[in-house]
Structures are given as C-alpha cells and as structure tokens.
C-alpha cells in the first residue's frame, strides 16, 4: 500500500511541475499497476487492465459526442 501511495504522489508532483492536467484516479491506478508489475509474480490482470483502459478511452469519446450533440442542439437558440 505504501508503494502505491508514494509512486502516486511522485507522479502527481511530476505532472504538477510540468503543468500538466492529471486526474488523481489515473495516478493511483497507474501507481497500482506499476507496483503490481514490479512484483516477482505477475499480479496485474491484463484483462481487467484492458477494461479500465477501454473505459477511459470510451469516456473521452462519448463525452465529446455528447458535447457535439448539445452544441448542435443549442446553436439555434444562441
């Protein structure tokens, strides 16, 4: 648990120093995956990690599509 917290804090501070936007959820997930991948036995489940990455990508796509639909719906009112 300590490894995940320390590496998450390091990722977050590094991103802040580079002035990059970063989600605390993304940093903690990346820290857990990194700490799990560094173990003697593979503790990272590739299928579950793939699901998480797919949801992250789909979230951006769906929100962009919804924003476009909302923009097109609101344009006549502006």
PDB file of N, CA and C in Angstrom:
ATOM      1  N   UNK A   1       0.823  -1.184   0.000  1.00  0.00           N
ATOM      2  CA  UNK A   1       0.000   0.000   0.000  1.00  0.00           C
ATOM      3  C   UNK A   1       0.873   1.256   0.000  1.00  0.00           C
ATOM      4  N   UNK A   2       1.995   1.201   0.652  1.00  0.00           N
ATOM      5  CA  UNK A   2       2.871   2.365   0.698  1.00  0.00           C
ATOM      6  C   UNK A   2       3.483   2.655  -0.659  1.00  0.00           C
ATOM      7  N   UNK A   3       3.854   1.615  -1.388  1.00  0.00           N
ATOM      8  CA  UNK A   3       4.460   1.813  -2.708  1.00  0.00           C
ATOM      9  C   UNK A   3       3.508   2.532  -3.649  1.00  0.00           C
ATOM     10  N   UNK A   4       2.231   2.156  -3.611  1.00  0.00           N
ATOM     11  CA  UNK A   4       1.257   2.807  -4.472  1.00  0.00           C
ATOM     12  C   UNK A   4       1.083   4.274  -4.095  1.00  0.00           C
ATOM     13  N   UNK A   5       1.036   4.572  -2.824  1.00  0.00           N
ATOM     14  CA  UNK A   5       0.858   5.948  -2.375  1.00  0.00           C
ATOM     15  C   UNK A   5       2.040   6.827  -2.727  1.00  0.00           C
ATOM     16  N   UNK A   6       3.246   6.309  -2.506  1.00  0.00           N
ATOM     17  CA  UNK A   6       4.453   7.092  -2.806  1.00  0.00           C
ATOM     18  C   UNK A   6       4.599   7.314  -4.305  1.00  0.00           C
ATOM     19  N   UNK A   7       4.397   6.266  -5.103  1.00  0.00           N
ATOM     20  CA  UNK A   7       4.543   6.446  -6.551  1.00  0.00           C
ATOM     21  C   UNK A   7       3.429   7.318  -7.106  1.00  0.00           C
ATOM     22  N   UNK A   8       2.232   7.252  -6.542  1.00  0.00           N
ATOM     23  CA  UNK A   8       1.149   8.131  -6.968  1.00  0.00           C
ATOM     24  C   UNK A   8       1.484   9.591  -6.664  1.00  0.00           C
ATOM     25  N   UNK A   9       2.031   9.839  -5.500  1.00  0.00           N
ATOM     26  CA  UNK A   9       2.428  11.201  -5.148  1.00  0.00           C
ATOM     27  C   UNK A   9       3.541  11.713  -6.055  1.00  0.00           C
ATOM     28  N   UNK A  10       4.481  10.828  -6.391  1.00  0.00           N
ATOM     29  CA  UNK A  10       5.572  11.234  -7.285  1.00  0.00           C
ATOM     30  C   UNK A  10       5.041  11.567  -8.675  1.00  0.00           C
ATOM     31  N   UNK A  11       4.124  10.757  -9.197  1.00  0.00           N
ATOM     32  CA  UNK A  11       3.517  11.052 -10.498  1.00  0.00           C
ATOM     33  C   UNK A  11       2.761  12.370 -10.464  1.00  0.00           C
ATOM     34  N   UNK A  12       2.018  12.585  -9.392  1.00  0.00           N
ATOM     35  CA  UNK A  12       1.213  13.795  -9.289  1.00  0.00           C
ATOM     36  C   UNK A  12       2.083  15.041  -9.191  1.00  0.00           C
ATOM     37  N   UNK A  13       3.125  14.994  -8.368  1.00  0.00           N
ATOM     38  CA  UNK A  13       4.037  16.145  -8.233  1.00  0.00           C
ATOM     39  C   UNK A  13       4.784  16.390  -9.536  1.00  0.00           C
ATOM     40  N   UNK A  14       5.195  15.318 -10.210  1.00  0.00           N
ATOM     41  CA  UNK A  14       5.863  15.471 -11.503  1.00  0.00           C
ATOM     42  C   UNK A  14       4.973  16.126 -12.529  1.00  0.00           C
ATOM     43  N   UNK A  15       3.711  15.734 -12.570  1.00  0.00           N
ATOM     44  CA  UNK A  15       2.775  16.346 -13.517  1.00  0.00           C
ATOM     45  C   UNK A  15       2.501  17.800 -13.166  1.00  0.00           C
ATOM     46  N   UNK A  16       2.417  18.097 -11.879  1.00  0.00           N
ATOM     47  CA  UNK A  16       2.201  19.486 -11.477  1.00  0.00           C
ATOM     48  C   UNK A  16       3.390  20.366 -11.842  1.00  0.00           C
ATOM     49  N   UNK A  17       4.591  19.842 -11.685  1.00  0.00           N
ATOM     50  CA  UNK A  17       5.772  20.633 -12.017  1.00  0.00           C
ATOM     51  C   UNK A  17       5.874  20.885 -13.519  1.00  0.00           C
ATOM     52  N   UNK A  18       5.326  19.976 -14.331  1.00  0.00           N
ATOM     53  CA  UNK A  18       5.298  20.160 -15.784  1.00  0.00           C
ATOM     54  C   UNK A  18       4.033  20.881 -16.243  1.00  0.00           C
ATOM     55  N   UNK A  19       3.192  21.270 -15.286  1.00  0.00           N
ATOM     56  CA  UNK A  19       1.936  21.977 -15.545  1.00  0.00           C
ATOM     57  C   UNK A  19       1.031  21.181 -16.480  1.00  0.00           C
ATOM     58  N   UNK A  20       0.946  19.893 -16.221  1.00  0.00           N
ATOM     59  CA  UNK A  20       0.079  19.007 -17.000  1.00  0.00           C
ATOM     60  C   UNK A  20      -1.152  18.668 -16.169  1.00  0.00           C
ATOM     61  N   UNK A  21      -2.329  18.687 -16.797  1.00  0.00           N
ATOM     62  CA  UNK A  21      -3.527  18.270 -16.053  1.00  0.00           C
ATOM     63  C   UNK A  21      -3.476  16.765 -15.797  1.00  0.00           C
ATOM     64  N   UNK A  22      -3.858  16.375 -14.606  1.00  0.00           N
ATOM     65  CA  UNK A  22      -3.766  14.965 -14.255  1.00  0.00           C
ATOM     66  C   UNK A  22      -4.857  14.625 -13.247  1.00  0.00           C
ATOM     67  N   UNK A  23      -5.464  13.488 -13.428  1.00  0.00           N
ATOM     68  CA  UNK A  23      -6.506  13.022 -12.528  1.00  0.00           C
ATOM     69  C   UNK A  23      -5.878  12.175 -11.425  1.00  0.00           C
ATOM     70  N   UNK A  24      -6.356  12.366 -10.212  1.00  0.00           N
ATOM     71  CA  UNK A  24      -5.829  11.563  -9.108  1.00  0.00           C
ATOM     72  C   UNK A  24      -6.211  10.091  -9.287  1.00  0.00           C
ATOM     73  N   UNK A  25      -7.338   9.826  -9.941  1.00  0.00           N
ATOM     74  CA  UNK A  25      -7.730   8.446 -10.219  1.00  0.00           C
ATOM     75  C   UNK A  25      -6.749   7.791 -11.183  1.00  0.00           C
ATOM     76  N   UNK A  26      -6.330   8.526 -12.199  1.00  0.00           N
ATOM     77  CA  UNK A  26      -5.371   7.987 -13.153  1.00  0.00           C
ATOM     78  C   UNK A  26      -4.016   7.728 -12.492  1.00  0.00           C
ATOM     79  N   UNK A  27      -3.581   8.651 -11.631  1.00  0.00           N
ATOM     80  CA  UNK A  27      -2.281   8.456 -10.989  1.00  0.00           C
ATOM     81  C   UNK A  27      -2.309   7.265 -10.036  1.00  0.00           C
ATOM     82  N   UNK A  28      -3.393   7.106  -9.289  1.00  0.00           N
ATOM     83  CA  UNK A  28      -3.454   5.986  -8.349  1.00  0.00           C
ATOM     84  C   UNK A  28      -3.536   4.664  -9.100  1.00  0.00           C
ATOM     85  N   UNK A  29      -4.315   4.616 -10.176  1.00  0.00           N
ATOM     86  CA  UNK A  29      -4.406   3.385 -10.961  1.00  0.00           C
ATOM     87  C   UNK A  29      -3.064   3.045 -11.589  1.00  0.00           C
ATOM     88  N   UNK A  30      -2.379   4.054 -12.117  1.00  0.00           N
ATOM     89  CA  UNK A  30      -1.054   3.829 -12.706  1.00  0.00           C
ATOM     90  C   UNK A  30      -0.058   3.363 -11.656  1.00  0.00           C
ATOM     91  N   UNK A  31      -0.152   3.916 -10.462  1.00  0.00           N
ATOM     92  CA  UNK A  31       0.747   3.507  -9.386  1.00  0.00           C
ATOM     93  C   UNK A  31       0.501   2.058  -8.970  1.00  0.00           C
ATOM     94  N   UNK A  32      -0.769   1.671  -8.890  1.00  0.00           N
ATOM     95  CA  UNK A  32      -1.093   0.291  -8.508  1.00  0.00           C
ATOM     96  C   UNK A  32      -0.609  -0.685  -9.572  1.00  0.00           C
ATOM     97  N   UNK A  33      -0.828  -0.340 -10.844  1.00  0.00           N
ATOM     98  CA  UNK A  33      -0.377  -1.210 -11.932  1.00  0.00           C
ATOM     99  C   UNK A  33       1.149  -1.295 -11.945  1.00  0.00           C
ATOM    100  N   UNK A  34       1.814  -0.167 -11.744  1.00  0.00           N
ATOM    101  CA  UNK A  34       3.275  -0.166 -11.724  1.00  0.00           C
ATOM    102  C   UNK A  34       3.844  -0.975 -10.575  1.00  0.00           C
ATOM    103  N   UNK A  35       3.244  -0.833  -9.403  1.00  0.00           N
ATOM    104  CA  UNK A  35       3.714  -1.603  -8.249  1.00  0.00           C
ATOM    105  C   UNK A  35       3.432  -3.090  -8.440  1.00  0.00           C
ATOM    106  N   UNK A  36       2.298  -3.425  -9.043  1.00  0.00           N
ATOM    107  CA  UNK A  36       1.969  -4.824  -9.289  1.00  0.00           C
ATOM    108  C   UNK A  36       2.858  -5.447 -10.341  1.00  0.00           C
ATOM    109  N   UNK A  37       3.238  -4.669 -11.341  1.00  0.00           N
ATOM    110  CA  UNK A  37       4.093  -5.191 -12.404  1.00  0.00           C
ATOM    111  C   UNK A  37       5.520  -5.410 -11.924  1.00  0.00           C
ATOM    112  N   UNK A  38       5.894  -4.774 -10.824  1.00  0.00           N
ATOM    113  CA  UNK A  38       7.251  -4.872 -10.306  1.00  0.00           C
ATOM    114  C   UNK A  38       7.427  -6.051  -9.348  1.00  0.00           C
ATOM    115  N   UNK A  39       6.378  -6.815  -9.121  1.00  0.00           N
ATOM    116  CA  UNK A  39       6.440  -7.940  -8.194  1.00  0.00           C
ATOM    117  C   UNK A  39       7.084  -9.155  -8.852  1.00  0.00           C
ATOM    118  N   UNK A  40       7.517 -10.072  -8.015  1.00  0.00           N
ATOM    119  CA  UNK A  40       8.155 -11.295  -8.516  1.00  0.00           C
ATOM    120  C   UNK A  40       7.171 -12.105  -9.358  1.00  0.00           C
ATOM    121  N   UNK A  41       5.940 -12.224  -8.895  1.00  0.00           N
ATOM    122  CA  UNK A  41       4.905 -12.936  -9.647  1.00  0.00           C
ATOM    123  C   UNK A  41       3.958 -11.904 -10.236  1.00  0.00           C
ATOM    124  N   UNK A  42       3.479 -12.176 -11.415  1.00  0.00           N
ATOM    125  CA  UNK A  42       2.584 -11.224 -12.081  1.00  0.00           C
ATOM    126  C   UNK A  42       1.299 -11.060 -11.277  1.00  0.00           C
ATOM    127  N   UNK A  43       1.072  -9.874 -10.768  1.00  0.00           N
ATOM    128  CA  UNK A  43      -0.133  -9.598 -10.001  1.00  0.00           C
ATOM    129  C   UNK A  43      -1.086  -8.683 -10.746  1.00  0.00           C
ATOM    130  N   UNK A  44      -0.711  -8.257 -11.929  1.00  0.00           N
ATOM    131  CA  UNK A  44      -1.573  -7.398 -12.737  1.00  0.00           C
ATOM    132  C   UNK A  44      -2.358  -8.289 -13.697  1.00  0.00           C
ATOM    133  N   UNK A  45      -3.651  -8.183 -13.647  1.00  0.00           N
ATOM    134  CA  UNK A  45      -4.517  -8.946 -14.543  1.00  0.00           C
ATOM    135  C   UNK A  45      -4.730  -8.136 -15.817  1.00  0.00           C
ATOM    136  N   UNK A  46      -4.168  -8.625 -16.903  1.00  0.00           N
ATOM    137  CA  UNK A  46      -4.220  -7.909 -18.176  1.00  0.00           C
ATOM    138  C   UNK A  46      -5.625  -7.637 -18.664  1.00  0.00           C
ATOM    139  N   UNK A  47      -6.521  -8.580 -18.478  1.00  0.00           N
ATOM    140  CA  UNK A  47      -7.899  -8.403 -18.937  1.00  0.00           C
ATOM    141  C   UNK A  47      -8.586  -7.264 -18.181  1.00  0.00           C
ATOM    142  N   UNK A  48      -8.398  -7.210 -16.869  1.00  0.00           N
ATOM    143  CA  UNK A  48      -9.007  -6.139 -16.071  1.00  0.00           C
ATOM    144  C   UNK A  48      -8.379  -4.784 -16.414  1.00  0.00           C
ATOM    145  N   UNK A  49      -7.080  -4.765 -16.628  1.00  0.00           N
ATOM    146  CA  UNK A  49      -6.406  -3.529 -17.013  1.00  0.00           C
ATOM    147  C   UNK A  49      -6.908  -3.051 -18.368  1.00  0.00           C
ATOM    148  N   UNK A  50      -7.133  -3.982 -19.288  1.00  0.00           N
ATOM    149  CA  UNK A  50      -7.682  -3.631 -20.594  1.00  0.00           C
ATOM    150  C   UNK A  50      -9.068  -3.020 -20.484  1.00  0.00           C
ATOM    151  N   UNK A  51      -9.884  -3.554 -19.562  1.00  0.00           N
ATOM    152  CA  UNK A  51     -11.218  -2.984 -19.347  1.00  0.00           C
ATOM    153  C   UNK A  51     -11.134  -1.552 -18.836  1.00  0.00           C
ATOM    154  N   UNK A  52     -10.226  -1.311 -17.903  1.00  0.00           N
ATOM    155  CA  UNK A  52     -10.062   0.041 -17.360  1.00  0.00           C
ATOM    156  C   UNK A  52      -9.626   1.013 -18.453  1.00  0.00           C
ATOM    157  N   UNK A  53      -8.658   0.609 -19.254  1.00  0.00           N
ATOM    158  CA  UNK A  53      -8.188   1.475 -20.337  1.00  0.00           C
ATOM    159  C   UNK A  53      -9.275   1.728 -21.366  1.00  0.00           C
ATOM    160  N   UNK A  54     -10.064   0.713 -21.674  1.00  0.00           N
ATOM    161  CA  UNK A  54     -11.161   0.875 -22.626  1.00  0.00           C
ATOM    162  C   UNK A  54     -12.195   1.868 -22.108  1.00  0.00           C
ATOM    163  N   UNK A  55     -12.523   1.776 -20.838  1.00  0.00           N
ATOM    164  CA  UNK A  55     -13.483   2.710 -20.261  1.00  0.00           C
ATOM    165  C   UNK A  55     -12.935   4.131 -20.283  1.00  0.00           C
ATOM    166  N   UNK A  56     -11.639   4.308 -19.990  1.00  0.00           N
ATOM    167  CA  UNK A  56     -11.048   5.651 -20.047  1.00  0.00           C
ATOM    168  C   UNK A  56     -11.142   6.231 -21.453  1.00  0.00           C
ATOM    169  N   UNK A  57     -10.847   5.428 -22.454  1.00  0.00           N
ATOM    170  CA  UNK A  57     -10.897   5.914 -23.839  1.00  0.00           C
ATOM    171  C   UNK A  57     -12.342   6.190 -24.257  1.00  0.00           C
ATOM    172  N   UNK A  58     -13.248   5.264 -23.932  1.00  0.00           N
ATOM    173  CA  UNK A  58     -14.646   5.462 -24.301  1.00  0.00           C
ATOM    174  C   UNK A  58     -15.267   6.666 -23.609  1.00  0.00           C
ATOM    175  N   UNK A  59     -14.832   6.965 -22.403  1.00  0.00           N
ATOM    176  CA  UNK A  59     -15.351   8.127 -21.699  1.00  0.00           C
ATOM    177  C   UNK A  59     -15.053   9.402 -22.470  1.00  0.00           C
ATOM    178  N   UNK A  60     -13.848   9.546 -22.972  1.00  0.00           N
ATOM    179  CA  UNK A  60     -13.486  10.743 -23.741  1.00  0.00           C
ATOM    180  C   UNK A  60     -14.286  10.830 -25.039  1.00  0.00           C
ATOM    181  N   UNK A  61     -14.450   9.696 -25.709  1.00  0.00           N
ATOM    182  CA  UNK A  61     -15.179   9.685 -26.978  1.00  0.00           C
ATOM    183  C   UNK A  61     -16.655  10.014 -26.764  1.00  0.00           C
ATOM    184  N   UNK A  62     -17.274   9.388 -25.777  1.00  0.00           N
ATOM    185  CA  UNK A  62     -18.702   9.603 -25.526  1.00  0.00           C
ATOM    186  C   UNK A  62     -18.966  11.036 -25.082  1.00  0.00           C
ATOM    187  N   UNK A  63     -18.127  11.583 -24.214  1.00  0.00           N
ATOM    188  CA  UNK A  63     -18.350  12.957 -23.777  1.00  0.00           C
ATOM    189  C   UNK A  63     -18.145  13.941 -24.924  1.00  0.00           C
ATOM    190  N   UNK A  64     -17.210  13.671 -25.826  1.00  0.00           N
ATOM    191  CA  UNK A  64     -17.040  14.541 -26.990  1.00  0.00           C
ATOM    192  C   UNK A  64     -18.264  14.478 -27.897  1.00  0.00           C
ATOM    193  N   UNK A  65     -18.791  13.295 -28.113  1.00  0.00           N
ATOM    194  CA  UNK A  65     -20.004  13.162 -28.931  1.00  0.00           C
ATOM    195  C   UNK A  65     -21.196  13.862 -28.288  1.00  0.00           C
ATOM    196  N   UNK A  66     -21.369  13.704 -26.991  1.00  0.00           N
ATOM    197  CA  UNK A  66     -22.460  14.369 -26.298  1.00  0.00           C
ATOM    198  C   UNK A  66     -22.301  15.890 -26.323  1.00  0.00           C
ATOM    199  N   UNK A  67     -21.081  16.360 -26.207  1.00  0.00           N
ATOM    200  CA  UNK A  67     -20.845  17.803 -26.290  1.00  0.00           C
ATOM    201  C   UNK A  67     -21.193  18.326 -27.680  1.00  0.00           C
ATOM    202  N   UNK A  68     -20.846  17.575 -28.720  1.00  0.00           N
ATOM    203  CA  UNK A  68     -21.188  17.977 -30.081  1.00  0.00           C
ATOM    204  C   UNK A  68     -22.687  18.007 -30.302  1.00  0.00           C
ATOM    205  N   UNK A  69     -23.387  17.004 -29.786  1.00  0.00           N
ATOM    206  CA  UNK A  69     -24.850  16.978 -29.917  1.00  0.00           C
ATOM    207  C   UNK A  69     -25.482  18.140 -29.170  1.00  0.00           C
ATOM    208  N   UNK A  70     -25.002  18.408 -27.977  1.00  0.00           N
ATOM    209  CA  UNK A  70     -25.522  19.534 -27.202  1.00  0.00           C
ATOM    210  C   UNK A  70     -25.245  20.856 -27.904  1.00  0.00           C
ATOM    211  N   UNK A  71     -24.063  20.999 -28.484  1.00  0.00           N
ATOM    212  CA  UNK A  71     -23.734  22.215 -29.217  1.00  0.00           C
ATOM    213  C   UNK A  71     -24.679  22.404 -30.403  1.00  0.00           C
ATOM    214  N   UNK A  72     -24.907  21.337 -31.166  1.00  0.00           N
ATOM    215  CA  UNK A  72     -25.800  21.429 -32.317  1.00  0.00           C
ATOM    216  C   UNK A  72     -27.232  21.717 -31.884  1.00  0.00           C
ATOM    217  N   UNK A  73     -27.653  21.191 -30.748  1.00  0.00           N
ATOM    218  CA  UNK A  73     -28.996  21.451 -30.256  1.00  0.00           C
ATOM    219  C   UNK A  73     -29.161  22.881 -29.742  1.00  0.00           C
ATOM    220  N   UNK A  74     -28.085  23.437 -29.199  1.00  0.00           N
ATOM    221  CA  UNK A  74     -28.169  24.786 -28.620  1.00  0.00           C
ATOM    222  C   UNK A  74     -27.874  25.888 -29.622  1.00  0.00           C
ATOM    223  N   UNK A  75     -27.255  25.579 -30.749  1.00  0.00           N
ATOM    224  CA  UNK A  75     -26.871  26.601 -31.725  1.00  0.00           C
ATOM    225  C   UNK A  75     -28.056  27.439 -32.204  1.00  0.00           C
ATOM    226  N   UNK A  76     -29.218  26.876 -32.514  1.00  0.00           N
ATOM    227  CA  UNK A  76     -30.322  27.724 -32.960  1.00  0.00           C
ATOM    228  C   UNK A  76     -30.822  28.692 -31.888  1.00  0.00           C
ATOM    229  N   UNK A  77     -30.603  28.358 -30.643  1.00  0.00           N
ATOM    230  CA  UNK A  77     -31.078  29.215 -29.554  1.00  0.00           C
ATOM    231  C   UNK A  77     -30.127  30.361 -29.253  1.00  0.00           C
ATOM    232  N   UNK A  78     -28.921  30.284 -29.749  1.00  0.00           N
ATOM    233  CA  UNK A  78     -27.937  31.329 -29.445  1.00  0.00           C
ATOM    234  C   UNK A  78     -28.032  32.463 -30.390  1.00  0.00           C
TER     235      UNK A  78
END
